[in-house]
């Protein structure tokens, strides 16, 4: 079963994912950083030039720089599975991104494999690993 554990925790983890997506779309680094644990890691194996970033401060600094490449992004995310065991959880989520680069509109789709931790009654991302699934580009229209 792809969704296991207490409903309240699964809902809170889903809201964590939604807060993350909202912060990306608004390009709000403060709100985005609030979704990560201090000792988090963010892995981008399909982007070897970036690799894995460790620690919330380094993750946020990398994200701020990267977001310069995604003006006007619309970022959506939804869970495919959430499995909660106590104060730890795993989640698989899918993403759809639309943004303009020069004269092209880009549509990216991907998947995250996440671990989440509950700290002080709040769920946070402990690790996120992103893989790209599909990219489509076309003239802005």
Protein backbone atom coordinates (compact mmCIF):
# COMPACT_ATOMS: atom_id res chain seq x y z
CA UNK A 1 0.00 0.00 0.00
CA UNK A 2 1.56 3.33 -1.02
CA UNK A 3 0.07 5.37 1.87
CA UNK A 4 0.66 4.05 5.37
CA UNK A 5 0.82 5.50 8.85
CA UNK A 6 -1.34 7.97 10.76
CA UNK A 7 -3.58 10.13 8.60
CA UNK A 8 -2.59 13.32 10.47
CA UNK A 9 1.09 12.73 9.72
CA UNK A 10 0.43 11.89 6.06
CA UNK A 11 -1.60 15.09 5.71
CA UNK A 12 1.15 17.14 7.35
CA UNK A 13 3.75 15.63 4.99
CA UNK A 14 1.55 16.38 2.01
CA UNK A 15 1.23 19.98 3.24
CA UNK A 16 5.05 20.10 3.55
CA UNK A 17 5.28 19.14 -0.12
CA UNK A 18 2.65 21.73 -1.05
CA UNK A 19 4.46 24.45 0.94
CA UNK A 20 7.67 23.54 -0.92
CA UNK A 21 5.93 23.82 -4.31
CA UNK A 22 4.29 27.12 -3.37
CA UNK A 23 7.63 28.57 -2.27
CA UNK A 24 9.28 27.52 -5.55
CA UNK A 25 6.52 29.13 -7.61
CA UNK A 26 6.77 32.35 -5.57
CA UNK A 27 10.60 32.17 -5.57
CA UNK A 28 10.47 32.62 -1.79
CA UNK A 29 13.78 31.39 -0.37
CA UNK A 30 12.73 31.89 3.24
CA UNK A 31 9.54 29.82 2.89
CA UNK A 32 11.40 27.23 0.81
CA UNK A 33 14.20 26.86 3.36
CA UNK A 34 11.63 26.36 6.13
CA UNK A 35 10.79 22.95 4.60
CA UNK A 36 14.28 21.50 5.30
CA UNK A 37 15.91 20.09 8.43
CA UNK A 38 19.21 21.75 9.37
CA UNK A 39 21.19 18.61 8.50
CA UNK A 40 19.33 17.91 5.26
CA UNK A 41 20.79 16.82 1.96
CA UNK A 42 19.53 17.45 -1.56
CA UNK A 43 20.73 15.13 -4.34
CA UNK A 44 20.45 15.82 -8.07
CA UNK A 45 22.04 12.74 -9.66
CA UNK A 46 20.92 13.70 -13.17
CA UNK A 47 22.89 16.94 -12.77
CA UNK A 48 26.43 15.76 -11.95
CA UNK A 49 27.71 19.33 -12.06
CA UNK A 50 25.60 19.94 -8.93
CA UNK A 51 25.61 16.49 -7.28
CA UNK A 52 24.56 16.33 -3.64
CA UNK A 53 24.44 19.35 -1.36
CA UNK A 54 24.68 18.88 2.41
CA UNK A 55 23.28 21.16 5.13
CA UNK A 56 20.36 23.57 4.96
CA UNK A 57 22.48 26.72 4.53
CA UNK A 58 24.38 25.24 1.55
CA UNK A 59 21.15 23.90 0.03
CA UNK A 60 19.47 27.30 0.22
CA UNK A 61 22.51 29.10 -1.23
CA UNK A 62 22.63 26.65 -4.15
CA UNK A 63 18.86 26.97 -4.72
CA UNK A 64 18.97 30.79 -4.76
CA UNK A 65 21.63 30.69 -7.46
CA UNK A 66 19.83 27.98 -9.46
CA UNK A 67 16.49 29.82 -9.40
CA UNK A 68 18.00 32.58 -11.54
CA UNK A 69 17.67 30.11 -14.44
CA UNK A 70 13.91 29.60 -13.93
CA UNK A 71 12.14 32.94 -14.29
CA UNK A 72 8.37 32.80 -13.89
CA UNK A 73 8.39 29.12 -12.95
CA UNK A 74 5.15 27.33 -12.18
CA UNK A 75 5.99 24.33 -9.98
CA UNK A 76 3.53 21.63 -9.01
CA UNK A 77 4.10 18.52 -6.89
CA UNK A 78 1.98 15.65 -5.68
CA UNK A 79 2.73 12.50 -3.69
CA UNK A 80 2.73 9.03 -5.19
CA UNK A 81 3.38 7.43 -1.81
CA UNK A 82 3.84 8.43 1.82
CA UNK A 83 4.90 5.86 4.40
CA UNK A 84 5.11 7.02 8.01
CA UNK A 85 6.88 5.11 10.79
CA UNK A 86 6.98 7.13 13.99
CA UNK A 87 8.94 10.36 13.47
CA UNK A 88 10.37 9.23 10.12
CA UNK A 89 8.71 8.90 6.74
CA UNK A 90 9.50 8.18 3.13
CA UNK A 91 7.72 9.83 0.24
CA UNK A 92 7.83 9.56 -3.52
CA UNK A 93 6.50 12.66 -5.25
CA UNK A 94 6.15 13.79 -8.84
CA UNK A 95 6.75 17.27 -10.21
CA UNK A 96 5.69 19.31 -13.21
CA UNK A 97 7.47 22.57 -13.97
CA UNK A 98 6.80 25.16 -16.65
CA UNK A 99 9.11 28.13 -17.22
CA UNK A 100 10.51 30.30 -19.99
CA UNK A 101 14.13 30.30 -21.10
CA UNK A 102 14.81 32.86 -23.80
CA UNK A 103 12.38 32.27 -26.65
CA UNK A 104 11.49 28.77 -25.46
CA UNK A 105 8.94 27.46 -22.97
CA UNK A 106 10.23 24.43 -21.08
CA UNK A 107 8.14 21.73 -19.40
CA UNK A 108 10.02 19.44 -17.04
CA UNK A 109 8.62 16.44 -15.21
CA UNK A 110 10.44 14.58 -12.47
CA UNK A 111 10.30 12.41 -9.38
CA UNK A 112 11.64 12.94 -5.87
CA UNK A 113 12.51 10.18 -3.40
CA UNK A 114 12.36 11.78 0.03
CA UNK A 115 12.93 11.07 3.67
CA UNK A 116 11.14 13.27 6.16
CA UNK A 117 11.60 13.73 9.89
CA UNK A 118 9.27 15.09 12.53
CA UNK A 119 11.07 17.64 14.70
CA UNK A 120 9.35 19.65 17.41
CA UNK A 121 5.98 18.45 16.10
CA UNK A 122 6.68 19.56 12.51
CA UNK A 123 7.57 17.49 9.43
CA UNK A 124 10.67 18.53 7.43
CA UNK A 125 12.66 17.18 4.52
CA UNK A 126 15.73 15.28 5.74
CA UNK A 127 16.77 14.24 2.24
CA UNK A 128 15.48 14.80 -1.27
CA UNK A 129 16.77 13.06 -4.39
CA UNK A 130 15.46 14.30 -7.73
CA UNK A 131 15.47 12.43 -11.04
CA UNK A 132 14.18 13.89 -14.29
CA UNK A 133 11.53 11.93 -16.17
CA UNK A 134 10.73 14.06 -19.22
CA UNK A 135 11.56 17.43 -20.80
CA UNK A 136 9.68 19.20 -23.54
CA UNK A 137 10.68 22.51 -25.14
CA UNK A 138 8.86 24.66 -27.64
CA UNK A 139 8.61 28.25 -28.82
CA UNK A 140 7.02 30.67 -26.37
CA UNK A 141 3.48 31.22 -27.34
